Amino acid sequence: MKVEYYELSDPEMQAKFADVVKAVDEHGLAYPLTAINGVFRFAGGVSYYAILRAVQEALGISEGES
């Protein structure tokens, strides 16, 4: 599992991820973006539980398992 944070209000990060910033603007998406293992899954505010379910899914863990 890979978790990383990028502050896209930073001009250096905007340049590094110009394609992502452009896609957000073109599609009217909201920040923050949440990616799991490099795949964008959510745009805008998202609940902890939604992220938890997506991480569990990525790890192959069924709901209720630990």
PDB file of N, CA and C in Angstrom:
ATOM      1  N   MET A   1       0.856  -1.160   0.000  1.00  0.00           N
ATOM      2  CA  MET A   1       0.000   0.000   0.000  1.00  0.00           C
ATOM      3  C   MET A   1       0.898   1.218   0.000  1.00  0.00           C
ATOM      4  N   LYS A   2       0.598   2.167  -0.837  1.00  0.00           N
ATOM      5  CA  LYS A   2       1.400   3.383  -0.930  1.00  0.00           C
ATOM      6  C   LYS A   2       0.509   4.583  -0.652  1.00  0.00           C
ATOM      7  N   VAL A   3       0.910   5.382   0.343  1.00  0.00           N
ATOM      8  CA  VAL A   3       0.170   6.596   0.701  1.00  0.00           C
ATOM      9  C   VAL A   3       1.137   7.764   0.619  1.00  0.00           C
ATOM     10  N   GLU A   4       0.783   8.762  -0.164  1.00  0.00           N
ATOM     11  CA  GLU A   4       1.607   9.954  -0.301  1.00  0.00           C
ATOM     12  C   GLU A   4       0.717  11.187  -0.291  1.00  0.00           C
ATOM     13  N   TYR A   5       1.296  12.315   0.132  1.00  0.00           N
ATOM     14  CA  TYR A   5       0.567  13.575   0.152  1.00  0.00           C
ATOM     15  C   TYR A   5       1.307  14.583  -0.709  1.00  0.00           C
ATOM     16  N   TYR A   6       0.585  15.262  -1.591  1.00  0.00           N
ATOM     17  CA  TYR A   6       1.151  16.316  -2.421  1.00  0.00           C
ATOM     18  C   TYR A   6       0.292  17.557  -2.257  1.00  0.00           C
ATOM     19  N   GLU A   7       0.906  18.650  -1.888  1.00  0.00           N
ATOM     20  CA  GLU A   7       0.191  19.915  -1.716  1.00  0.00           C
ATOM     21  C   GLU A   7       0.140  20.621  -3.066  1.00  0.00           C
ATOM     22  N   LEU A   8      -0.997  20.512  -3.749  1.00  0.00           N
ATOM     23  CA  LEU A   8      -1.109  21.039  -5.101  1.00  0.00           C
ATOM     24  C   LEU A   8      -1.351  22.538  -5.158  1.00  0.00           C
ATOM     25  N   SER A   9      -1.370  23.208  -4.005  1.00  0.00           N
ATOM     26  CA  SER A   9      -1.411  24.671  -4.029  1.00  0.00           C
ATOM     27  C   SER A   9       0.017  25.228  -4.151  1.00  0.00           C
ATOM     28  N   ASP A  10       1.018  24.384  -3.981  1.00  0.00           N
ATOM     29  CA  ASP A  10       2.427  24.752  -4.113  1.00  0.00           C
ATOM     30  C   ASP A  10       2.772  24.809  -5.605  1.00  0.00           C
ATOM     31  N   PRO A  11       3.289  25.961  -6.089  1.00  0.00           N
ATOM     32  CA  PRO A  11       3.603  26.076  -7.524  1.00  0.00           C
ATOM     33  C   PRO A  11       4.542  24.991  -8.041  1.00  0.00           C
ATOM     34  N   GLU A  12       5.489  24.547  -7.223  1.00  0.00           N
ATOM     35  CA  GLU A  12       6.403  23.482  -7.652  1.00  0.00           C
ATOM     36  C   GLU A  12       5.632  22.182  -7.892  1.00  0.00           C
ATOM     37  N   MET A  13       4.695  21.873  -7.018  1.00  0.00           N
ATOM     38  CA  MET A  13       3.887  20.658  -7.181  1.00  0.00           C
ATOM     39  C   MET A  13       2.924  20.807  -8.353  1.00  0.00           C
ATOM     40  N   GLN A  14       2.403  22.026  -8.565  1.00  0.00           N
ATOM     41  CA  GLN A  14       1.524  22.260  -9.712  1.00  0.00           C
ATOM     42  C   GLN A  14       2.269  21.992 -11.020  1.00  0.00           C
ATOM     43  N   ALA A  15       3.534  22.382 -11.067  1.00  0.00           N
ATOM     44  CA  ALA A  15       4.333  22.134 -12.270  1.00  0.00           C
ATOM     45  C   ALA A  15       4.614  20.643 -12.436  1.00  0.00           C
ATOM     46  N   LYS A  16       4.925  19.976 -11.328  1.00  0.00           N
ATOM     47  CA  LYS A  16       5.227  18.547 -11.384  1.00  0.00           C
ATOM     48  C   LYS A  16       4.018  17.727 -11.824  1.00  0.00           C
ATOM     49  N   PHE A  17       2.832  18.143 -11.386  1.00  0.00           N
ATOM     50  CA  PHE A  17       1.601  17.414 -11.691  1.00  0.00           C
ATOM     51  C   PHE A  17       0.672  18.240 -12.586  1.00  0.00           C
ATOM     52  N   ALA A  18       1.256  18.924 -13.565  1.00  0.00           N
ATOM     53  CA  ALA A  18       0.489  19.813 -14.438  1.00  0.00           C
ATOM     54  C   ALA A  18      -0.673  19.099 -15.124  1.00  0.00           C
ATOM     55  N   ASP A  19      -0.473  17.841 -15.509  1.00  0.00           N
ATOM     56  CA  ASP A  19      -1.546  17.096 -16.179  1.00  0.00           C
ATOM     57  C   ASP A  19      -2.726  16.857 -15.236  1.00  0.00           C
ATOM     58  N   VAL A  20      -2.435  16.605 -13.966  1.00  0.00           N
ATOM     59  CA  VAL A  20      -3.499  16.388 -12.974  1.00  0.00           C
ATOM     60  C   VAL A  20      -4.250  17.695 -12.721  1.00  0.00           C
ATOM     61  N   VAL A  21      -3.507  18.791 -12.530  1.00  0.00           N
ATOM     62  CA  VAL A  21      -4.120  20.101 -12.284  1.00  0.00           C
ATOM     63  C   VAL A  21      -5.008  20.483 -13.468  1.00  0.00           C
ATOM     64  N   LYS A  22      -4.528  20.239 -14.678  1.00  0.00           N
ATOM     65  CA  LYS A  22      -5.307  20.555 -15.881  1.00  0.00           C
ATOM     66  C   LYS A  22      -6.599  19.728 -15.923  1.00  0.00           C
ATOM     67  N   ALA A  23      -6.505  18.440 -15.619  1.00  0.00           N
ATOM     68  CA  ALA A  23      -7.695  17.578 -15.628  1.00  0.00           C
ATOM     69  C   ALA A  23      -8.702  18.015 -14.568  1.00  0.00           C
ATOM     70  N   VAL A  24      -8.218  18.404 -13.397  1.00  0.00           N
ATOM     71  CA  VAL A  24      -9.117  18.889 -12.337  1.00  0.00           C
ATOM     72  C   VAL A  24      -9.865  20.117 -12.835  1.00  0.00           C
ATOM     73  N   ASP A  25      -9.143  21.059 -13.437  1.00  0.00           N
ATOM     74  CA  ASP A  25      -9.771  22.281 -13.959  1.00  0.00           C
ATOM     75  C   ASP A  25     -10.765  21.972 -15.075  1.00  0.00           C
ATOM     76  N   GLU A  26     -10.369  21.110 -15.998  1.00  0.00           N
ATOM     77  CA  GLU A  26     -11.223  20.793 -17.145  1.00  0.00           C
ATOM     78  C   GLU A  26     -12.509  20.084 -16.739  1.00  0.00           C
ATOM     79  N   HIS A  27     -12.442  19.262 -15.712  1.00  0.00           N
ATOM     80  CA  HIS A  27     -13.609  18.473 -15.306  1.00  0.00           C
ATOM     81  C   HIS A  27     -14.351  19.059 -14.117  1.00  0.00           C
ATOM     82  N   GLY A  28     -13.909  20.231 -13.653  1.00  0.00           N
ATOM     83  CA  GLY A  28     -14.593  20.894 -12.546  1.00  0.00           C
ATOM     84  C   GLY A  28     -14.544  20.101 -11.244  1.00  0.00           C
ATOM     85  N   LEU A  29     -13.467  19.367 -11.031  1.00  0.00           N
ATOM     86  CA  LEU A  29     -13.322  18.571  -9.809  1.00  0.00           C
ATOM     87  C   LEU A  29     -12.880  19.460  -8.652  1.00  0.00           C
ATOM     88  N   ALA A  30     -13.049  18.950  -7.449  1.00  0.00           N
ATOM     89  CA  ALA A  30     -12.667  19.686  -6.247  1.00  0.00           C
ATOM     90  C   ALA A  30     -11.473  19.012  -5.590  1.00  0.00           C
ATOM     91  N   TYR A  31     -10.676  19.822  -4.950  1.00  0.00           N
ATOM     92  CA  TYR A  31      -9.580  19.298  -4.127  1.00  0.00           C
ATOM     93  C   TYR A  31     -10.110  19.031  -2.732  1.00  0.00           C
ATOM     94  N   PRO A  32      -9.522  18.174  -1.963  1.00  0.00           N
ATOM     95  CA  PRO A  32      -8.347  17.370  -2.275  1.00  0.00           C
ATOM     96  C   PRO A  32      -8.707  16.174  -3.133  1.00  0.00           C
ATOM     97  N   LEU A  33      -7.695  15.635  -3.784  1.00  0.00           N
ATOM     98  CA  LEU A  33      -7.833  14.398  -4.530  1.00  0.00           C
ATOM     99  C   LEU A  33      -7.270  13.276  -3.673  1.00  0.00           C
ATOM    100  N   THR A  34      -7.904  12.142  -3.710  1.00  0.00           N
ATOM    101  CA  THR A  34      -7.406  10.992  -2.950  1.00  0.00           C
ATOM    102  C   THR A  34      -7.080   9.883  -3.936  1.00  0.00           C
ATOM    103  N   ALA A  35      -5.823   9.442  -3.880  1.00  0.00           N
ATOM    104  CA  ALA A  35      -5.370   8.345  -4.735  1.00  0.00           C
ATOM    105  C   ALA A  35      -4.944   7.187  -3.845  1.00  0.00           C
ATOM    106  N   ILE A  36      -5.231   5.998  -4.278  1.00  0.00           N
ATOM    107  CA  ILE A  36      -4.822   4.789  -3.565  1.00  0.00           C
ATOM    108  C   ILE A  36      -3.982   3.973  -4.531  1.00  0.00           C
ATOM    109  N   ASN A  37      -2.745   3.736  -4.122  1.00  0.00           N
ATOM    110  CA  ASN A  37      -1.774   3.048  -4.982  1.00  0.00           C
ATOM    111  C   ASN A  37      -1.661   3.704  -6.349  1.00  0.00           C
ATOM    112  N   GLY A  38      -1.681   5.042  -6.361  1.00  0.00           N
ATOM    113  CA  GLY A  38      -1.488   5.798  -7.597  1.00  0.00           C
ATOM    114  C   GLY A  38      -2.719   5.958  -8.466  1.00  0.00           C
ATOM    115  N   VAL A  39      -3.861   5.455  -8.031  1.00  0.00           N
ATOM    116  CA  VAL A  39      -5.108   5.559  -8.794  1.00  0.00           C
ATOM    117  C   VAL A  39      -6.037   6.527  -8.073  1.00  0.00           C
ATOM    118  N   PHE A  40      -6.435   7.608  -8.755  1.00  0.00           N
ATOM    119  CA  PHE A  40      -7.341   8.573  -8.138  1.00  0.00           C
ATOM    120  C   PHE A  40      -8.707   7.944  -7.936  1.00  0.00           C
ATOM    121  N   ARG A  41      -9.183   8.010  -6.695  1.00  0.00           N
ATOM    122  CA  ARG A  41     -10.454   7.386  -6.348  1.00  0.00           C
ATOM    123  C   ARG A  41     -11.512   8.392  -5.927  1.00  0.00           C
ATOM    124  N   PHE A  42     -11.094   9.532  -5.343  1.00  0.00           N
ATOM    125  CA  PHE A  42     -12.046  10.510  -4.818  1.00  0.00           C
ATOM    126  C   PHE A  42     -11.577  11.923  -5.127  1.00  0.00           C
ATOM    127  N   ALA A  43     -12.555  12.816  -5.335  1.00  0.00           N
ATOM    128  CA  ALA A  43     -12.277  14.250  -5.487  1.00  0.00           C
ATOM    129  C   ALA A  43     -13.178  14.990  -4.512  1.00  0.00           C
ATOM    130  N   GLY A  44     -12.601  15.974  -3.842  1.00  0.00           N
ATOM    131  CA  GLY A  44     -13.357  16.742  -2.858  1.00  0.00           C
ATOM    132  C   GLY A  44     -13.356  16.042  -1.513  1.00  0.00           C
ATOM    133  N   GLY A  45     -14.129  16.570  -0.600  1.00  0.00           N
ATOM    134  CA  GLY A  45     -14.196  15.993   0.736  1.00  0.00           C
ATOM    135  C   GLY A  45     -14.702  14.561   0.688  1.00  0.00           C
ATOM    136  N   VAL A  46     -14.077  13.723   1.455  1.00  0.00           N
ATOM    137  CA  VAL A  46     -14.450  12.307   1.486  1.00  0.00           C
ATOM    138  C   VAL A  46     -14.338  11.826   2.929  1.00  0.00           C
ATOM    139  N   SER A  47     -15.217  10.958   3.312  1.00  0.00           N
ATOM    140  CA  SER A  47     -15.214  10.479   4.697  1.00  0.00           C
ATOM    141  C   SER A  47     -14.105   9.461   4.927  1.00  0.00           C
ATOM    142  N   TYR A  48     -13.694   9.376   6.155  1.00  0.00           N
ATOM    143  CA  TYR A  48     -12.713   8.376   6.584  1.00  0.00           C
ATOM    144  C   TYR A  48     -13.189   6.974   6.199  1.00  0.00           C
ATOM    145  N   TYR A  49     -14.472   6.712   6.388  1.00  0.00           N
ATOM    146  CA  TYR A  49     -15.007   5.373   6.124  1.00  0.00           C
ATOM    147  C   TYR A  49     -14.958   5.018   4.635  1.00  0.00           C
ATOM    148  N   ALA A  50     -15.164   6.000   3.774  1.00  0.00           N
ATOM    149  CA  ALA A  50     -15.074   5.740   2.336  1.00  0.00           C
ATOM    150  C   ALA A  50     -13.635   5.392   1.953  1.00  0.00           C
ATOM    151  N   ILE A  51     -12.686   6.119   2.531  1.00  0.00           N
ATOM    152  CA  ILE A  51     -11.279   5.824   2.267  1.00  0.00           C
ATOM    153  C   ILE A  51     -10.908   4.460   2.837  1.00  0.00           C
ATOM    154  N   LEU A  52     -11.366   4.175   4.042  1.00  0.00           N
ATOM    155  CA  LEU A  52     -11.096   2.882   4.666  1.00  0.00           C
ATOM    156  C   LEU A  52     -11.592   1.731   3.791  1.00  0.00           C
ATOM    157  N   ARG A  53     -12.823   1.845   3.285  1.00  0.00           N
ATOM    158  CA  ARG A  53     -13.369   0.794   2.420  1.00  0.00           C
ATOM    159  C   ARG A  53     -12.529   0.626   1.157  1.00  0.00           C
ATOM    160  N   ALA A  54     -12.096   1.749   0.568  1.00  0.00           N
ATOM    161  CA  ALA A  54     -11.304   1.679  -0.651  1.00  0.00           C
ATOM    162  C   ALA A  54      -9.929   1.055  -0.383  1.00  0.00           C
ATOM    163  N   VAL A  55      -9.328   1.369   0.755  1.00  0.00           N
ATOM    164  CA  VAL A  55      -8.041   0.775   1.118  1.00  0.00           C
ATOM    165  C   VAL A  55      -8.210  -0.719   1.378  1.00  0.00           C
ATOM    166  N   GLN A  56      -9.263  -1.083   2.097  1.00  0.00           N
ATOM    167  CA  GLN A  56      -9.520  -2.501   2.345  1.00  0.00           C
ATOM    168  C   GLN A  56      -9.716  -3.251   1.031  1.00  0.00           C
ATOM    169  N   GLU A  57     -10.444  -2.644   0.118  1.00  0.00           N
ATOM    170  CA  GLU A  57     -10.666  -3.259  -1.193  1.00  0.00           C
ATOM    171  C   GLU A  57      -9.328  -3.450  -1.915  1.00  0.00           C
ATOM    172  N   ALA A  58      -8.473  -2.426  -1.867  1.00  0.00           N
ATOM    173  CA  ALA A  58      -7.168  -2.510  -2.534  1.00  0.00           C
ATOM    174  C   ALA A  58      -6.294  -3.590  -1.904  1.00  0.00           C
ATOM    175  N   LEU A  59      -6.464  -3.808  -0.611  1.00  0.00           N
ATOM    176  CA  LEU A  59      -5.686  -4.831   0.087  1.00  0.00           C
ATOM    177  C   LEU A  59      -6.337  -6.214   0.008  1.00  0.00           C
ATOM    178  N   GLY A  60      -7.543  -6.277  -0.553  1.00  0.00           N
ATOM    179  CA  GLY A  60      -8.254  -7.548  -0.644  1.00  0.00           C
ATOM    180  C   GLY A  60      -8.852  -8.005   0.664  1.00  0.00           C
ATOM    181  N   ILE A  61      -9.168  -7.032   1.531  1.00  0.00           N
ATOM    182  CA  ILE A  61      -9.766  -7.342   2.838  1.00  0.00           C
ATOM    183  C   ILE A  61     -11.269  -7.118   2.756  1.00  0.00           C
ATOM    184  N   SER A  62     -12.041  -8.102   3.148  1.00  0.00           N
ATOM    185  CA  SER A  62     -13.491  -7.971   3.176  1.00  0.00           C
ATOM    186  C   SER A  62     -13.895  -7.140   4.373  1.00  0.00           C
ATOM    187  N   GLU A  63     -15.041  -6.454   4.259  1.00  0.00           N
ATOM    188  CA  GLU A  63     -15.558  -5.680   5.377  1.00  0.00           C
ATOM    189  C   GLU A  63     -15.752  -6.585   6.581  1.00  0.00           C
ATOM    190  N   GLY A  64     -15.294  -6.132   7.726  1.00  0.00           N
ATOM    191  CA  GLY A  64     -15.423  -6.920   8.948  1.00  0.00           C
ATOM    192  C   GLY A  64     -14.169  -7.711   9.286  1.00  0.00           C
ATOM    193  N   GLU A  65     -13.287  -7.929   8.301  1.00  0.00           N
ATOM    194  CA  GLU A  65     -12.026  -8.610   8.572  1.00  0.00           C
ATOM    195  C   GLU A  65     -11.049  -7.620   9.177  1.00  0.00           C
ATOM    196  N   SER A  66     -10.046  -8.100   9.873  1.00  0.00           N
ATOM    197  CA  SER A  66      -8.992  -7.227  10.385  1.00  0.00           C
ATOM    198  C   SER A  66      -7.667  -7.617   9.814  1.00  0.00           C
TER     199      SER A  66
END
